[in-house]
């Protein structure tokens, strides 16, 4: 099967990964996408003012799989990111969102130890 031509439709995460793996396995791969860029909805670009613009909304990559991280790092640099979203309660207190143990403890005033 090596040397055969393969068409991958879509250059989002899935299409790009399939195309890369097939190409590294020796297949001749052509990728097409209706958009003028790769990365699908996870595409972002830097504006002239140096601001990173998420054209299709914010996107995050969550994994604790070292093999996935190692594979991804072959293709680019990751920017450090810390997710901090808070809700302001009627009394002015701020609590984390999405809801977690700290949110529940702040709202209800009880300590939840997970047991």
N, C-alpha and C. Protein backbone atom coordinates (compact mmCIF):
# COMPACT_ATOMS: atom_id res chain seq x y z
N UNK A 1 0.81 -1.20 0.00
CA UNK A 1 0.00 0.00 0.00
C UNK A 1 0.86 1.26 0.00
N UNK A 2 2.11 1.15 0.43
CA UNK A 2 2.95 2.35 0.43
C UNK A 2 3.09 2.89 -0.98
N UNK A 3 3.18 4.20 -1.09
CA UNK A 3 3.30 4.85 -2.38
C UNK A 3 1.95 5.19 -3.00
N UNK A 4 0.89 4.68 -2.45
CA UNK A 4 -0.44 5.00 -2.95
C UNK A 4 -0.79 6.42 -2.56
N UNK A 5 -1.62 7.02 -3.38
CA UNK A 5 -2.05 8.40 -3.13
C UNK A 5 -3.30 8.40 -2.26
N UNK A 6 -3.30 9.29 -1.27
CA UNK A 6 -4.43 9.41 -0.35
C UNK A 6 -4.85 10.87 -0.27
N UNK A 7 -6.16 11.09 -0.32
CA UNK A 7 -6.72 12.43 -0.17
C UNK A 7 -7.32 12.53 1.23
N UNK A 8 -6.90 13.54 2.00
CA UNK A 8 -7.47 13.81 3.31
C UNK A 8 -8.28 15.10 3.18
N UNK A 9 -9.56 15.03 3.51
CA UNK A 9 -10.43 16.20 3.41
C UNK A 9 -10.57 16.79 4.81
N UNK A 10 -10.05 17.98 4.98
CA UNK A 10 -10.10 18.67 6.26
C UNK A 10 -8.74 18.74 6.91
N UNK A 11 -8.31 19.94 7.26
CA UNK A 11 -6.99 20.16 7.86
C UNK A 11 -7.10 20.57 9.32
N UNK A 12 -8.17 20.12 9.99
CA UNK A 12 -8.28 20.33 11.43
C UNK A 12 -7.37 19.35 12.15
N UNK A 13 -7.56 19.21 13.46
CA UNK A 13 -6.69 18.31 14.22
C UNK A 13 -6.69 16.90 13.66
N UNK A 14 -7.86 16.32 13.46
CA UNK A 14 -7.93 14.93 13.01
C UNK A 14 -7.31 14.78 11.63
N UNK A 15 -7.72 15.60 10.68
CA UNK A 15 -7.20 15.48 9.32
C UNK A 15 -5.70 15.70 9.26
N UNK A 16 -5.21 16.68 10.00
CA UNK A 16 -3.78 16.97 9.99
C UNK A 16 -2.97 15.81 10.58
N UNK A 17 -3.48 15.21 11.66
CA UNK A 17 -2.77 14.09 12.28
C UNK A 17 -2.77 12.88 11.33
N UNK A 18 -3.94 12.56 10.76
CA UNK A 18 -3.99 11.44 9.81
C UNK A 18 -3.03 11.68 8.66
N UNK A 19 -3.05 12.87 8.10
CA UNK A 19 -2.18 13.17 6.96
C UNK A 19 -0.71 13.03 7.33
N UNK A 20 -0.34 13.54 8.48
CA UNK A 20 1.07 13.47 8.90
C UNK A 20 1.51 12.02 9.11
N UNK A 21 0.68 11.25 9.82
CA UNK A 21 1.03 9.86 10.09
C UNK A 21 1.11 9.05 8.79
N UNK A 22 0.19 9.28 7.88
CA UNK A 22 0.21 8.57 6.60
C UNK A 22 1.45 8.95 5.78
N UNK A 23 1.76 10.24 5.75
CA UNK A 23 2.95 10.70 5.01
C UNK A 23 4.22 10.10 5.60
N UNK A 24 4.32 10.06 6.92
CA UNK A 24 5.51 9.48 7.54
C UNK A 24 5.60 7.98 7.32
N UNK A 25 4.45 7.36 7.02
CA UNK A 25 4.44 5.92 6.73
C UNK A 25 4.72 5.65 5.25
N UNK A 26 4.96 6.72 4.47
CA UNK A 26 5.36 6.54 3.08
C UNK A 26 4.28 6.76 2.05
N UNK A 27 3.10 7.14 2.46
CA UNK A 27 2.02 7.41 1.50
C UNK A 27 2.18 8.80 0.92
N UNK A 28 1.68 8.99 -0.30
CA UNK A 28 1.61 10.30 -0.92
C UNK A 28 0.27 10.90 -0.51
N UNK A 29 0.31 11.99 0.25
CA UNK A 29 -0.90 12.54 0.84
C UNK A 29 -1.16 13.95 0.32
N UNK A 30 -2.41 14.19 -0.05
CA UNK A 30 -2.87 15.52 -0.40
C UNK A 30 -3.95 15.89 0.60
N UNK A 31 -3.84 17.10 1.16
CA UNK A 31 -4.82 17.59 2.13
C UNK A 31 -5.55 18.78 1.51
N UNK A 32 -6.87 18.75 1.57
CA UNK A 32 -7.65 19.89 1.12
C UNK A 32 -8.55 20.36 2.26
N UNK A 33 -8.85 21.64 2.26
CA UNK A 33 -9.74 22.21 3.27
C UNK A 33 -10.42 23.41 2.64
N UNK A 34 -11.66 23.66 3.01
CA UNK A 34 -12.37 24.80 2.44
C UNK A 34 -11.84 26.12 2.98
N UNK A 35 -11.15 26.08 4.12
CA UNK A 35 -10.57 27.28 4.69
C UNK A 35 -9.16 27.50 4.12
N UNK A 36 -8.66 28.70 4.28
CA UNK A 36 -7.34 29.03 3.74
C UNK A 36 -6.21 28.75 4.73
N UNK A 37 -6.51 28.01 5.79
CA UNK A 37 -5.51 27.73 6.82
C UNK A 37 -5.71 26.34 7.38
N UNK A 38 -4.69 25.87 8.10
CA UNK A 38 -4.79 24.58 8.80
C UNK A 38 -5.30 24.81 10.22
N UNK A 39 -5.57 23.74 10.94
CA UNK A 39 -5.93 23.73 12.37
C UNK A 39 -7.42 23.83 12.64
N UNK A 40 -8.25 23.89 11.61
CA UNK A 40 -9.69 23.89 11.83
C UNK A 40 -10.12 24.98 12.79
N UNK A 41 -11.03 24.64 13.71
CA UNK A 41 -11.54 25.62 14.66
C UNK A 41 -10.52 26.03 15.71
N UNK A 42 -9.40 25.33 15.79
CA UNK A 42 -8.36 25.68 16.76
C UNK A 42 -7.36 26.69 16.19
N UNK A 43 -7.59 27.16 14.98
CA UNK A 43 -6.70 28.13 14.34
C UNK A 43 -6.66 29.43 15.13
N UNK A 44 -5.49 29.98 15.26
CA UNK A 44 -5.37 31.34 15.78
C UNK A 44 -4.29 32.07 15.01
N UNK A 45 -4.28 33.36 15.16
CA UNK A 45 -3.31 34.19 14.45
C UNK A 45 -2.93 35.37 15.32
N UNK A 46 -1.78 35.94 15.04
CA UNK A 46 -1.34 37.10 15.79
C UNK A 46 -1.66 38.35 14.99
N UNK A 47 -2.28 39.32 15.64
CA UNK A 47 -2.60 40.57 14.95
C UNK A 47 -1.35 41.42 14.83
N UNK A 48 -1.44 42.49 14.08
CA UNK A 48 -0.31 43.40 13.92
C UNK A 48 0.13 44.01 15.25
N UNK A 49 -0.77 44.04 16.23
CA UNK A 49 -0.45 44.59 17.55
C UNK A 49 0.11 43.54 18.49
N UNK A 50 0.35 42.31 17.98
CA UNK A 50 0.92 41.26 18.81
C UNK A 50 -0.08 40.55 19.69
N UNK A 51 -1.37 40.69 19.40
CA UNK A 51 -2.42 40.04 20.18
C UNK A 51 -2.82 38.75 19.48
N UNK A 52 -2.88 37.65 20.23
CA UNK A 52 -3.29 36.37 19.66
C UNK A 52 -4.80 36.36 19.53
N UNK A 53 -5.30 36.17 18.32
CA UNK A 53 -6.72 36.20 18.01
C UNK A 53 -7.21 34.79 17.72
N UNK A 54 -8.22 34.36 18.44
CA UNK A 54 -8.83 33.04 18.25
C UNK A 54 -10.05 33.27 17.36
N UNK A 55 -9.89 33.10 16.08
CA UNK A 55 -10.92 33.43 15.11
C UNK A 55 -12.23 32.68 15.36
N UNK A 56 -12.15 31.44 15.82
CA UNK A 56 -13.35 30.62 16.00
C UNK A 56 -13.68 30.36 17.46
N UNK A 57 -13.12 31.13 18.36
CA UNK A 57 -13.36 30.94 19.79
C UNK A 57 -12.14 30.32 20.45
N UNK A 58 -12.07 30.41 21.77
CA UNK A 58 -10.89 29.89 22.48
C UNK A 58 -10.78 28.38 22.37
N UNK A 59 -9.56 27.90 22.47
CA UNK A 59 -9.31 26.47 22.39
C UNK A 59 -8.15 26.10 23.32
N UNK A 60 -8.29 24.95 23.94
CA UNK A 60 -7.27 24.45 24.86
C UNK A 60 -7.00 22.99 24.53
N UNK A 61 -5.80 22.57 24.80
CA UNK A 61 -5.43 21.16 24.63
C UNK A 61 -5.16 20.59 26.01
N UNK A 62 -5.98 19.64 26.42
CA UNK A 62 -5.80 19.01 27.74
C UNK A 62 -5.38 17.56 27.55
N UNK A 63 -4.24 17.20 28.11
CA UNK A 63 -3.84 15.79 28.14
C UNK A 63 -2.78 15.61 29.21
N UNK A 64 -2.77 14.43 29.79
CA UNK A 64 -1.67 14.07 30.68
C UNK A 64 -0.89 12.90 30.08
N UNK A 65 -1.10 12.67 28.79
CA UNK A 65 -0.44 11.59 28.07
C UNK A 65 0.88 12.12 27.51
N UNK A 66 1.99 11.67 28.09
CA UNK A 66 3.32 12.17 27.70
C UNK A 66 3.61 11.89 26.23
N UNK A 67 3.13 10.78 25.69
CA UNK A 67 3.37 10.47 24.27
C UNK A 67 2.69 11.48 23.36
N UNK A 68 1.50 11.91 23.72
CA UNK A 68 0.78 12.90 22.93
C UNK A 68 1.52 14.23 22.98
N UNK A 69 1.94 14.65 24.16
CA UNK A 69 2.67 15.91 24.31
C UNK A 69 3.97 15.87 23.51
N UNK A 70 4.70 14.79 23.62
CA UNK A 70 5.95 14.64 22.88
C UNK A 70 5.72 14.72 21.37
N UNK A 71 4.66 14.07 20.89
CA UNK A 71 4.34 14.10 19.46
C UNK A 71 4.00 15.52 19.02
N UNK A 72 3.19 16.21 19.79
CA UNK A 72 2.78 17.57 19.44
C UNK A 72 3.94 18.55 19.44
N UNK A 73 4.87 18.39 20.35
CA UNK A 73 6.00 19.32 20.46
C UNK A 73 6.93 19.27 19.25
N UNK A 74 6.78 18.24 18.43
CA UNK A 74 7.58 18.17 17.20
C UNK A 74 7.22 19.29 16.23
N UNK A 75 6.03 19.85 16.37
CA UNK A 75 5.51 20.75 15.36
C UNK A 75 5.43 22.21 15.78
N UNK A 76 5.72 22.50 17.01
CA UNK A 76 5.65 23.89 17.41
C UNK A 76 5.82 24.07 18.90
N UNK A 77 5.80 25.31 19.27
CA UNK A 77 6.00 25.70 20.66
C UNK A 77 4.63 25.94 21.30
N UNK A 78 4.48 25.49 22.53
CA UNK A 78 3.25 25.74 23.26
C UNK A 78 3.41 26.99 24.11
N UNK A 79 2.37 27.80 24.16
CA UNK A 79 2.39 28.98 25.01
C UNK A 79 1.87 28.61 26.39
N UNK A 80 2.52 29.12 27.44
CA UNK A 80 2.01 28.81 28.78
C UNK A 80 0.63 29.43 28.97
N UNK A 81 -0.22 28.71 29.67
CA UNK A 81 -1.58 29.19 29.88
C UNK A 81 -2.09 28.67 31.21
N UNK A 82 -2.73 29.55 31.94
CA UNK A 82 -3.37 29.15 33.19
C UNK A 82 -4.82 29.63 33.11
N UNK A 83 -5.72 28.68 33.20
CA UNK A 83 -7.15 28.98 33.06
C UNK A 83 -7.69 29.57 34.36
N UNK A 84 -8.11 30.81 34.32
CA UNK A 84 -8.67 31.48 35.50
C UNK A 84 -9.95 32.20 35.09
N UNK A 85 -11.06 31.61 35.44
CA UNK A 85 -12.35 32.24 35.20
C UNK A 85 -13.07 32.30 36.53
N UNK A 86 -13.62 33.46 36.85
CA UNK A 86 -14.33 33.62 38.12
C UNK A 86 -15.70 34.22 37.87
N UNK A 87 -16.59 33.94 38.80
CA UNK A 87 -17.91 34.56 38.81
C UNK A 87 -17.96 35.50 40.01
N UNK A 88 -18.57 36.65 39.81
CA UNK A 88 -18.72 37.59 40.92
C UNK A 88 -20.11 37.39 41.51
N UNK A 89 -20.15 37.05 42.80
CA UNK A 89 -21.41 36.85 43.50
C UNK A 89 -22.03 38.20 43.84
N UNK A 90 -23.28 38.18 44.22
CA UNK A 90 -24.00 39.42 44.55
C UNK A 90 -23.34 40.22 45.65
N UNK A 91 -22.63 39.55 46.55
CA UNK A 91 -21.97 40.26 47.66
C UNK A 91 -20.55 40.70 47.29
N UNK A 92 -20.16 40.51 46.02
CA UNK A 92 -18.85 40.96 45.56
C UNK A 92 -17.76 39.91 45.60
N UNK A 93 -18.01 38.78 46.28
CA UNK A 93 -17.00 37.72 46.31
C UNK A 93 -16.85 37.12 44.91
N UNK A 94 -15.65 36.65 44.64
CA UNK A 94 -15.38 35.97 43.38
C UNK A 94 -15.12 34.50 43.66
N UNK A 95 -15.71 33.64 42.84
CA UNK A 95 -15.54 32.20 42.99
C UNK A 95 -15.15 31.60 41.65
N UNK A 96 -14.38 30.50 41.67
CA UNK A 96 -13.92 29.91 40.41
C UNK A 96 -15.04 29.25 39.60
N UNK A 97 -14.92 29.35 38.30
CA UNK A 97 -15.75 28.62 37.34
C UNK A 97 -14.81 27.90 36.39
N UNK A 98 -15.13 26.73 35.88
CA UNK A 98 -16.32 25.96 36.23
C UNK A 98 -16.33 25.63 37.71
N UNK A 99 -17.50 25.27 38.21
CA UNK A 99 -17.67 25.00 39.64
C UNK A 99 -16.74 23.87 40.08
N UNK A 100 -16.06 24.10 41.20
CA UNK A 100 -15.21 23.07 41.80
C UNK A 100 -15.41 23.10 43.32
N UNK A 101 -14.60 22.36 44.06
CA UNK A 101 -14.76 22.32 45.52
C UNK A 101 -14.59 23.70 46.15
N UNK A 102 -13.68 24.51 45.63
CA UNK A 102 -13.47 25.85 46.18
C UNK A 102 -14.72 26.71 46.00
N UNK A 103 -15.39 26.56 44.86
CA UNK A 103 -16.63 27.31 44.61
C UNK A 103 -17.69 26.92 45.64
N UNK A 104 -17.87 25.62 45.81
CA UNK A 104 -18.88 25.13 46.76
C UNK A 104 -18.57 25.57 48.19
N UNK A 105 -17.29 25.50 48.56
CA UNK A 105 -16.90 25.91 49.91
C UNK A 105 -17.15 27.40 50.12
N UNK A 106 -16.86 28.22 49.10
CA UNK A 106 -17.07 29.66 49.23
C UNK A 106 -18.55 30.01 49.31
N UNK A 107 -19.38 29.35 48.55
CA UNK A 107 -20.82 29.67 48.52
C UNK A 107 -21.54 29.14 49.75
N UNK A 108 -21.25 27.90 50.12
CA UNK A 108 -22.00 27.26 51.20
C UNK A 108 -21.28 27.27 52.55
N UNK A 109 -20.02 27.70 52.58
CA UNK A 109 -19.29 27.84 53.83
C UNK A 109 -18.96 26.54 54.54
N UNK A 110 -18.91 25.47 53.80
CA UNK A 110 -18.56 24.18 54.40
C UNK A 110 -17.32 23.63 53.71
N UNK A 111 -16.55 22.86 54.43
CA UNK A 111 -15.39 22.21 53.85
C UNK A 111 -15.79 20.83 53.36
N UNK A 112 -15.52 20.56 52.13
CA UNK A 112 -15.83 19.25 51.53
C UNK A 112 -14.49 18.57 51.30
N UNK A 113 -14.30 17.43 51.95
CA UNK A 113 -12.99 16.78 51.85
C UNK A 113 -12.98 15.62 50.86
N UNK A 114 -14.06 15.38 50.15
CA UNK A 114 -14.07 14.35 49.13
C UNK A 114 -14.28 12.95 49.64
N UNK A 115 -14.53 12.76 50.93
CA UNK A 115 -14.75 11.41 51.47
C UNK A 115 -16.21 11.06 51.47
